[in-house]
């Protein structure tokens, strides 16, 4: 019974905080390293050394992080709205 009554209320309450923490974690560290792929910043540094084009490489890196953050924020906002619409 708890999963049908208390858990949905608890999720609605903590979802914004969890979403904010996830975005914060993404901003402070590379999510890609958590997933197991090559860390974006380190790879960008390697490309700068070999290609001598820091402006283009770091601009692309910023856009990648920006798209990740926008995607996660949109997903959390969608979840919040979906859970809010099921409130009685």
PDB file of N, CA and C in Angstrom:
ATOM      1  N   UNK A   1       0.824  -1.200   0.000  1.00  0.00           N
ATOM      2  CA  UNK A   1       0.000   0.000   0.000  1.00  0.00           C
ATOM      3  C   UNK A   1       0.870   1.267   0.000  1.00  0.00           C
ATOM      4  N   UNK A   2       2.035   1.160   0.640  1.00  0.00           N
ATOM      5  CA  UNK A   2       2.905   2.325   0.726  1.00  0.00           C
ATOM      6  C   UNK A   2       3.362   2.785  -0.661  1.00  0.00           C
ATOM      7  N   UNK A   3       3.649   1.834  -1.547  1.00  0.00           N
ATOM      8  CA  UNK A   3       4.129   2.216  -2.872  1.00  0.00           C
ATOM      9  C   UNK A   3       3.048   2.898  -3.698  1.00  0.00           C
ATOM     10  N   UNK A   4       1.795   2.723  -3.324  1.00  0.00           N
ATOM     11  CA  UNK A   4       0.705   3.343  -4.073  1.00  0.00           C
ATOM     12  C   UNK A   4       0.310   4.705  -3.524  1.00  0.00           C
ATOM     13  N   UNK A   5       0.615   4.966  -2.255  1.00  0.00           N
ATOM     14  CA  UNK A   5       0.177   6.217  -1.638  1.00  0.00           C
ATOM     15  C   UNK A   5       1.355   7.115  -1.273  1.00  0.00           C
ATOM     16  N   UNK A   6       2.250   6.618  -0.452  1.00  0.00           N
ATOM     17  CA  UNK A   6       3.340   7.439   0.061  1.00  0.00           C
ATOM     18  C   UNK A   6       4.421   7.682  -0.993  1.00  0.00           C
ATOM     19  N   UNK A   7       4.815   6.653  -1.711  1.00  0.00           N
ATOM     20  CA  UNK A   7       5.901   6.775  -2.678  1.00  0.00           C
ATOM     21  C   UNK A   7       5.621   7.812  -3.770  1.00  0.00           C
ATOM     22  N   UNK A   8       4.440   7.842  -4.385  1.00  0.00           N
ATOM     23  CA  UNK A   8       4.194   8.897  -5.390  1.00  0.00           C
ATOM     24  C   UNK A   8       4.273  10.309  -4.805  1.00  0.00           C
ATOM     25  N   UNK A   9       3.818  10.480  -3.576  1.00  0.00           N
ATOM     26  CA  UNK A   9       3.911  11.795  -2.934  1.00  0.00           C
ATOM     27  C   UNK A   9       5.364  12.158  -2.656  1.00  0.00           C
ATOM     28  N   UNK A  10       6.133  11.185  -2.211  1.00  0.00           N
ATOM     29  CA  UNK A  10       7.545  11.435  -1.920  1.00  0.00           C
ATOM     30  C   UNK A  10       8.315  11.766  -3.193  1.00  0.00           C
ATOM     31  N   UNK A  11       8.017  11.066  -4.264  1.00  0.00           N
ATOM     32  CA  UNK A  11       8.713  11.328  -5.530  1.00  0.00           C
ATOM     33  C   UNK A  11       8.400  12.734  -6.019  1.00  0.00           C
ATOM     34  N   UNK A  12       7.148  13.147  -5.931  1.00  0.00           N
ATOM     35  CA  UNK A  12       6.770  14.506  -6.337  1.00  0.00           C
ATOM     36  C   UNK A  12       7.517  15.549  -5.526  1.00  0.00           C
ATOM     37  N   UNK A  13       7.738  15.258  -4.251  1.00  0.00           N
ATOM     38  CA  UNK A  13       8.401  16.217  -3.375  1.00  0.00           C
ATOM     39  C   UNK A  13       9.898  16.310  -3.659  1.00  0.00           C
ATOM     40  N   UNK A  14      10.559  15.191  -3.880  1.00  0.00           N
ATOM     41  CA  UNK A  14      12.019  15.199  -4.010  1.00  0.00           C
ATOM     42  C   UNK A  14      12.518  15.308  -5.446  1.00  0.00           C
ATOM     43  N   UNK A  15      11.669  15.148  -6.433  1.00  0.00           N
ATOM     44  CA  UNK A  15      12.118  15.166  -7.824  1.00  0.00           C
ATOM     45  C   UNK A  15      12.820  16.469  -8.219  1.00  0.00           C
ATOM     46  N   UNK A  16      12.306  17.650  -7.863  1.00  0.00           N
ATOM     47  CA  UNK A  16      13.039  18.868  -8.239  1.00  0.00           C
ATOM     48  C   UNK A  16      14.442  18.924  -7.641  1.00  0.00           C
ATOM     49  N   UNK A  17      14.580  18.526  -6.392  1.00  0.00           N
ATOM     50  CA  UNK A  17      15.897  18.550  -5.757  1.00  0.00           C
ATOM     51  C   UNK A  17      16.841  17.540  -6.398  1.00  0.00           C
ATOM     52  N   UNK A  18      16.337  16.360  -6.700  1.00  0.00           N
ATOM     53  CA  UNK A  18      17.174  15.342  -7.340  1.00  0.00           C
ATOM     54  C   UNK A  18      17.586  15.808  -8.741  1.00  0.00           C
ATOM     55  N   UNK A  19      16.661  16.400  -9.467  1.00  0.00           N
ATOM     56  CA  UNK A  19      16.988  16.913 -10.801  1.00  0.00           C
ATOM     57  C   UNK A  19      18.040  18.005 -10.746  1.00  0.00           C
ATOM     58  N   UNK A  20      17.906  18.916  -9.781  1.00  0.00           N
ATOM     59  CA  UNK A  20      18.893  19.981  -9.625  1.00  0.00           C
ATOM     60  C   UNK A  20      20.262  19.416  -9.266  1.00  0.00           C
ATOM     61  N   UNK A  21      20.294  18.430  -8.397  1.00  0.00           N
ATOM     62  CA  UNK A  21      21.563  17.809  -8.022  1.00  0.00           C
ATOM     63  C   UNK A  21      22.204  17.119  -9.222  1.00  0.00           C
ATOM     64  N   UNK A  22      21.400  16.494 -10.056  1.00  0.00           N
ATOM     65  CA  UNK A  22      21.938  15.815 -11.230  1.00  0.00           C
ATOM     66  C   UNK A  22      22.548  16.817 -12.205  1.00  0.00           C
ATOM     67  N   UNK A  23      21.862  17.937 -12.430  1.00  0.00           N
ATOM     68  CA  UNK A  23      22.396  18.977 -13.310  1.00  0.00           C
ATOM     69  C   UNK A  23      23.664  19.569 -12.707  1.00  0.00           C
ATOM     70  N   UNK A  24      23.673  19.781 -11.394  1.00  0.00           N
ATOM     71  CA  UNK A  24      24.855  20.304 -10.710  1.00  0.00           C
ATOM     72  C   UNK A  24      26.033  19.350 -10.881  1.00  0.00           C
ATOM     73  N   UNK A  25      25.772  18.059 -10.702  1.00  0.00           N
ATOM     74  CA  UNK A  25      26.819  17.059 -10.866  1.00  0.00           C
ATOM     75  C   UNK A  25      27.371  17.089 -12.289  1.00  0.00           C
ATOM     76  N   UNK A  26      26.494  17.253 -13.255  1.00  0.00           N
ATOM     77  CA  UNK A  26      26.928  17.306 -14.646  1.00  0.00           C
ATOM     78  C   UNK A  26      27.800  18.526 -14.900  1.00  0.00           C
ATOM     79  N   UNK A  27      27.429  19.642 -14.301  1.00  0.00           N
ATOM     80  CA  UNK A  27      28.213  20.856 -14.495  1.00  0.00           C
ATOM     81  C   UNK A  27      29.581  20.755 -13.829  1.00  0.00           C
ATOM     82  N   UNK A  28      29.641  20.121 -12.671  1.00  0.00           N
ATOM     83  CA  UNK A  28      30.893  20.059 -11.923  1.00  0.00           C
ATOM     84  C   UNK A  28      31.815  18.926 -12.360  1.00  0.00           C
ATOM     85  N   UNK A  29      31.291  17.939 -12.985  1.00  0.00           N
ATOM     86  CA  UNK A  29      32.130  16.837 -13.460  1.00  0.00           C
ATOM     87  C   UNK A  29      31.583  16.367 -14.793  1.00  0.00           C
ATOM     88  N   UNK A  30      32.336  15.588 -15.448  1.00  0.00           N
ATOM     89  CA  UNK A  30      31.898  15.116 -16.752  1.00  0.00           C
ATOM     90  C   UNK A  30      31.055  13.860 -16.592  1.00  0.00           C
ATOM     91  N   UNK A  31      29.808  13.937 -17.011  1.00  0.00           N
ATOM     92  CA  UNK A  31      28.923  12.777 -16.956  1.00  0.00           C
ATOM     93  C   UNK A  31      29.457  11.657 -17.838  1.00  0.00           C
ATOM     94  N   UNK A  32      30.147  12.025 -18.868  1.00  0.00           N
ATOM     95  CA  UNK A  32      30.661  11.028 -19.795  1.00  0.00           C
ATOM     96  C   UNK A  32      31.632  10.086 -19.094  1.00  0.00           C
ATOM     97  N   UNK A  33      32.419  10.599 -18.152  1.00  0.00           N
ATOM     98  CA  UNK A  33      33.348   9.718 -17.440  1.00  0.00           C
ATOM     99  C   UNK A  33      32.596   8.755 -16.537  1.00  0.00           C
ATOM    100  N   UNK A  34      31.439   9.160 -16.019  1.00  0.00           N
ATOM    101  CA  UNK A  34      30.620   8.269 -15.205  1.00  0.00           C
ATOM    102  C   UNK A  34      30.052   7.152 -16.071  1.00  0.00           C
ATOM    103  N   UNK A  35      29.654   7.489 -17.279  1.00  0.00           N
ATOM    104  CA  UNK A  35      29.087   6.503 -18.191  1.00  0.00           C
ATOM    105  C   UNK A  35      30.165   5.520 -18.653  1.00  0.00           C
ATOM    106  N   UNK A  36      31.401   5.957 -18.689  1.00  0.00           N
ATOM    107  CA  UNK A  36      32.484   5.063 -19.075  1.00  0.00           C
ATOM    108  C   UNK A  36      33.143   5.431 -20.391  1.00  0.00           C
ATOM    109  N   UNK A  37      32.684   6.468 -21.030  1.00  0.00           N
ATOM    110  CA  UNK A  37      33.309   6.919 -22.270  1.00  0.00           C
ATOM    111  C   UNK A  37      34.494   7.821 -21.939  1.00  0.00           C
ATOM    112  N   UNK A  38      35.261   8.166 -22.947  1.00  0.00           N
ATOM    113  CA  UNK A  38      36.396   9.052 -22.739  1.00  0.00           C
ATOM    114  C   UNK A  38      35.906  10.399 -22.233  1.00  0.00           C
ATOM    115  N   UNK A  39      36.563  10.901 -21.241  1.00  0.00           N
ATOM    116  CA  UNK A  39      36.147  12.158 -20.629  1.00  0.00           C
ATOM    117  C   UNK A  39      36.307  13.298 -21.640  1.00  0.00           C
ATOM    118  N   UNK A  40      35.262  14.093 -21.789  1.00  0.00           N
ATOM    119  CA  UNK A  40      35.218  15.110 -22.848  1.00  0.00           C
ATOM    120  C   UNK A  40      36.312  16.165 -22.717  1.00  0.00           C
ATOM    121  N   UNK A  41      36.515  16.667 -21.537  1.00  0.00           N
ATOM    122  CA  UNK A  41      37.487  17.742 -21.363  1.00  0.00           C
ATOM    123  C   UNK A  41      38.905  17.256 -21.651  1.00  0.00           C
ATOM    124  N   UNK A  42      39.239  16.084 -21.167  1.00  0.00           N
ATOM    125  CA  UNK A  42      40.583  15.543 -21.415  1.00  0.00           C
ATOM    126  C   UNK A  42      40.804  15.313 -22.907  1.00  0.00           C
ATOM    127  N   UNK A  43      39.790  14.804 -23.570  1.00  0.00           N
ATOM    128  CA  UNK A  43      39.900  14.574 -25.018  1.00  0.00           C
ATOM    129  C   UNK A  43      40.038  15.898 -25.769  1.00  0.00           C
ATOM    130  N   UNK A  44      39.304  16.913 -25.325  1.00  0.00           N
ATOM    131  CA  UNK A  44      39.426  18.229 -25.957  1.00  0.00           C
ATOM    132  C   UNK A  44      40.838  18.777 -25.773  1.00  0.00           C
ATOM    133  N   UNK A  45      41.414  18.606 -24.590  1.00  0.00           N
ATOM    134  CA  UNK A  45      42.791  19.054 -24.358  1.00  0.00           C
ATOM    135  C   UNK A  45      43.768  18.343 -25.291  1.00  0.00           C
ATOM    136  N   UNK A  46      43.572  17.057 -25.477  1.00  0.00           N
ATOM    137  CA  UNK A  46      44.436  16.302 -26.394  1.00  0.00           C
ATOM    138  C   UNK A  46      44.304  16.823 -27.823  1.00  0.00           C
ATOM    139  N   UNK A  47      43.085  17.146 -28.228  1.00  0.00           N
ATOM    140  CA  UNK A  47      42.876  17.676 -29.580  1.00  0.00           C
ATOM    141  C   UNK A  47      43.512  19.051 -29.749  1.00  0.00           C
ATOM    142  N   UNK A  48      43.436  19.876 -28.706  1.00  0.00           N
ATOM    143  CA  UNK A  48      44.046  21.204 -28.782  1.00  0.00           C
ATOM    144  C   UNK A  48      45.552  21.075 -28.989  1.00  0.00           C
ATOM    145  N   UNK A  49      46.171  20.146 -28.274  1.00  0.00           N
ATOM    146  CA  UNK A  49      47.617  19.953 -28.409  1.00  0.00           C
ATOM    147  C   UNK A  49      47.974  19.473 -29.816  1.00  0.00           C
ATOM    148  N   UNK A  50      47.176  18.581 -30.364  1.00  0.00           N
ATOM    149  CA  UNK A  50      47.529  18.024 -31.673  1.00  0.00           C
ATOM    150  C   UNK A  50      47.052  18.879 -32.850  1.00  0.00           C
ATOM    151  N   UNK A  51      45.939  19.585 -32.705  1.00  0.00           N
ATOM    152  CA  UNK A  51      45.358  20.331 -33.827  1.00  0.00           C
ATOM    153  C   UNK A  51      45.658  21.828 -33.796  1.00  0.00           C
ATOM    154  N   UNK A  52      46.025  22.361 -32.630  1.00  0.00           N
ATOM    155  CA  UNK A  52      46.307  23.795 -32.474  1.00  0.00           C
ATOM    156  C   UNK A  52      45.109  24.662 -32.865  1.00  0.00           C
ATOM    157  N   UNK A  53      43.902  24.215 -32.497  1.00  0.00           N
ATOM    158  CA  UNK A  53      42.683  24.985 -32.783  1.00  0.00           C
ATOM    159  C   UNK A  53      41.832  25.049 -31.518  1.00  0.00           C
ATOM    160  N   UNK A  54      42.294  25.744 -30.481  1.00  0.00           N
ATOM    161  CA  UNK A  54      41.576  25.726 -29.197  1.00  0.00           C
ATOM    162  C   UNK A  54      40.191  26.366 -29.258  1.00  0.00           C
ATOM    163  N   UNK A  55      40.029  27.434 -30.021  1.00  0.00           N
ATOM    164  CA  UNK A  55      38.735  28.114 -30.061  1.00  0.00           C
ATOM    165  C   UNK A  55      37.637  27.190 -30.581  1.00  0.00           C
ATOM    166  N   UNK A  56      37.873  26.528 -31.678  1.00  0.00           N
ATOM    167  CA  UNK A  56      36.862  25.647 -32.256  1.00  0.00           C
ATOM    168  C   UNK A  56      36.583  24.445 -31.358  1.00  0.00           C
ATOM    169  N   UNK A  57      37.640  23.865 -30.815  1.00  0.00           N
ATOM    170  CA  UNK A  57      37.484  22.658 -30.004  1.00  0.00           C
ATOM    171  C   UNK A  57      36.757  22.964 -28.704  1.00  0.00           C
ATOM    172  N   UNK A  58      37.163  24.023 -28.006  1.00  0.00           N
ATOM    173  CA  UNK A  58      36.506  24.345 -26.737  1.00  0.00           C
ATOM    174  C   UNK A  58      35.084  24.865 -26.949  1.00  0.00           C
ATOM    175  N   UNK A  59      34.841  25.546 -28.067  1.00  0.00           N
ATOM    176  CA  UNK A  59      33.474  25.970 -28.373  1.00  0.00           C
ATOM    177  C   UNK A  59      32.574  24.757 -28.570  1.00  0.00           C
ATOM    178  N   UNK A  60      33.061  23.767 -29.284  1.00  0.00           N
ATOM    179  CA  UNK A  60      32.293  22.540 -29.477  1.00  0.00           C
ATOM    180  C   UNK A  60      32.068  21.824 -28.147  1.00  0.00           C
ATOM    181  N   UNK A  61      33.081  21.824 -27.277  1.00  0.00           N
ATOM    182  CA  UNK A  61      32.959  21.203 -25.959  1.00  0.00           C
ATOM    183  C   UNK A  61      31.876  21.895 -25.125  1.00  0.00           C
ATOM    184  N   UNK A  62      31.865  23.213 -25.152  1.00  0.00           N
ATOM    185  CA  UNK A  62      30.840  23.964 -24.415  1.00  0.00           C
ATOM    186  C   UNK A  62      29.451  23.629 -24.950  1.00  0.00           C
ATOM    187  N   UNK A  63      29.311  23.540 -26.255  1.00  0.00           N
ATOM    188  CA  UNK A  63      28.014  23.193 -26.841  1.00  0.00           C
ATOM    189  C   UNK A  63      27.571  21.789 -26.440  1.00  0.00           C
ATOM    190  N   UNK A  64      28.518  20.844 -26.372  1.00  0.00           N
ATOM    191  CA  UNK A  64      28.166  19.488 -25.938  1.00  0.00           C
ATOM    192  C   UNK A  64      27.631  19.488 -24.512  1.00  0.00           C
ATOM    193  N   UNK A  65      28.346  20.160 -23.608  1.00  0.00           N
ATOM    194  CA  UNK A  65      27.887  20.235 -22.225  1.00  0.00           C
ATOM    195  C   UNK A  65      26.536  20.944 -22.132  1.00  0.00           C
ATOM    196  N   UNK A  66      26.383  22.022 -22.892  1.00  0.00           N
ATOM    197  CA  UNK A  66      25.133  22.775 -22.875  1.00  0.00           C
ATOM    198  C   UNK A  66      23.964  21.897 -23.311  1.00  0.00           C
ATOM    199  N   UNK A  67      24.146  21.128 -24.368  1.00  0.00           N
ATOM    200  CA  UNK A  67      23.078  20.244 -24.842  1.00  0.00           C
ATOM    201  C   UNK A  67      22.760  19.154 -23.824  1.00  0.00           C
ATOM    202  N   UNK A  68      23.779  18.615 -23.162  1.00  0.00           N
ATOM    203  CA  UNK A  68      23.538  17.622 -22.110  1.00  0.00           C
ATOM    204  C   UNK A  68      22.705  18.216 -20.980  1.00  0.00           C
ATOM    205  N   UNK A  69      23.073  19.417 -20.540  1.00  0.00           N
ATOM    206  CA  UNK A  69      22.365  20.053 -19.427  1.00  0.00           C
ATOM    207  C   UNK A  69      20.939  20.404 -19.826  1.00  0.00           C
ATOM    208  N   UNK A  70      20.752  20.942 -21.023  1.00  0.00           N
ATOM    209  CA  UNK A  70      19.407  21.273 -21.497  1.00  0.00           C
ATOM    210  C   UNK A  70      18.558  20.009 -21.594  1.00  0.00           C
ATOM    211  N   UNK A  71      19.118  18.934 -22.101  1.00  0.00           N
ATOM    212  CA  UNK A  71      18.375  17.676 -22.211  1.00  0.00           C
ATOM    213  C   UNK A  71      17.950  17.134 -20.860  1.00  0.00           C
ATOM    214  N   UNK A  72      18.861  17.136 -19.907  1.00  0.00           N
ATOM    215  CA  UNK A  72      18.530  16.636 -18.568  1.00  0.00           C
ATOM    216  C   UNK A  72      17.508  17.544 -17.899  1.00  0.00           C
ATOM    217  N   UNK A  73      17.694  18.858 -18.000  1.00  0.00           N
ATOM    218  CA  UNK A  73      16.741  19.789 -17.394  1.00  0.00           C
ATOM    219  C   UNK A  73      15.351  19.630 -18.003  1.00  0.00           C
ATOM    220  N   UNK A  74      15.282  19.461 -19.305  1.00  0.00           N
ATOM    221  CA  UNK A  74      13.985  19.262 -19.958  1.00  0.00           C
ATOM    222  C   UNK A  74      13.334  17.964 -19.511  1.00  0.00           C
ATOM    223  N   UNK A  75      14.130  16.916 -19.373  1.00  0.00           N
ATOM    224  CA  UNK A  75      13.596  15.641 -18.899  1.00  0.00           C
ATOM    225  C   UNK A  75      13.051  15.729 -17.487  1.00  0.00           C
ATOM    226  N   UNK A  76      13.774  16.414 -16.609  1.00  0.00           N
ATOM    227  CA  UNK A  76      13.305  16.579 -15.229  1.00  0.00           C
ATOM    228  C   UNK A  76      12.037  17.426 -15.203  1.00  0.00           C
ATOM    229  N   UNK A  77      11.999  18.500 -15.993  1.00  0.00           N
ATOM    230  CA  UNK A  77      10.805  19.353 -16.049  1.00  0.00           C
ATOM    231  C   UNK A  77       9.605  18.559 -16.561  1.00  0.00           C
ATOM    232  N   UNK A  78       9.818  17.717 -17.575  1.00  0.00           N
ATOM    233  CA  UNK A  78       8.737  16.882 -18.104  1.00  0.00           C
ATOM    234  C   UNK A  78       8.234  15.928 -17.029  1.00  0.00           C
ATOM    235  N   UNK A  79       9.166  15.295 -16.298  1.00  0.00           N
ATOM    236  CA  UNK A  79       8.765  14.389 -15.218  1.00  0.00           C
ATOM    237  C   UNK A  79       7.970  15.119 -14.142  1.00  0.00           C
ATOM    238  N   UNK A  80       8.435  16.318 -13.757  1.00  0.00           N
ATOM    239  CA  UNK A  80       7.712  17.100 -12.749  1.00  0.00           C
ATOM    240  C   UNK A  80       6.299  17.411 -13.224  1.00  0.00           C
ATOM    241  N   UNK A  81       6.160  17.854 -14.468  1.00  0.00           N
ATOM    242  CA  UNK A  81       4.828  18.176 -14.997  1.00  0.00           C
ATOM    243  C   UNK A  81       3.948  16.938 -15.071  1.00  0.00           C
ATOM    244  N   UNK A  82       4.529  15.832 -15.450  1.00  0.00           N
ATOM    245  CA  UNK A  82       3.756  14.587 -15.536  1.00  0.00           C
ATOM    246  C   UNK A  82       3.276  14.148 -14.157  1.00  0.00           C
ATOM    247  N   UNK A  83       4.156  14.236 -13.168  1.00  0.00           N
ATOM    248  CA  UNK A  83       3.758  13.865 -11.810  1.00  0.00           C
ATOM    249  C   UNK A  83       2.766  14.866 -11.227  1.00  0.00           C
ATOM    250  N   UNK A  84       2.928  16.141 -11.567  1.00  0.00           N
ATOM    251  CA  UNK A  84       2.011  17.163 -11.072  1.00  0.00           C
ATOM    252  C   UNK A  84       0.614  16.965 -11.655  1.00  0.00           C
ATOM    253  N   UNK A  85       0.542  16.518 -12.900  1.00  0.00           N
ATOM    254  CA  UNK A  85      -0.770  16.330 -13.532  1.00  0.00           C
ATOM    255  C   UNK A  85      -1.523  15.145 -12.944  1.00  0.00           C
ATOM    256  N   UNK A  86      -0.826  14.234 -12.266  1.00  0.00           N
ATOM    257  CA  UNK A  86      -1.499  13.089 -11.646  1.00  0.00           C
ATOM    258  C   UNK A  86      -1.940  13.383 -10.221  1.00  0.00           C
ATOM    259  N   UNK A  87      -1.616  14.586  -9.701  1.00  0.00           N
ATOM    260  CA  UNK A  87      -2.058  14.940  -8.350  1.00  0.00           C
ATOM    261  C   UNK A  87      -3.570  15.071  -8.307  1.00  0.00           C
ATOM    262  N   UNK A  88      -4.107  14.770  -7.154  1.00  0.00           N
ATOM    263  CA  UNK A  88      -5.561  14.861  -6.979  1.00  0.00           C
ATOM    264  C   UNK A  88      -5.915  16.166  -6.330  1.00  0.00           C
TER     265      UNK A  88
END
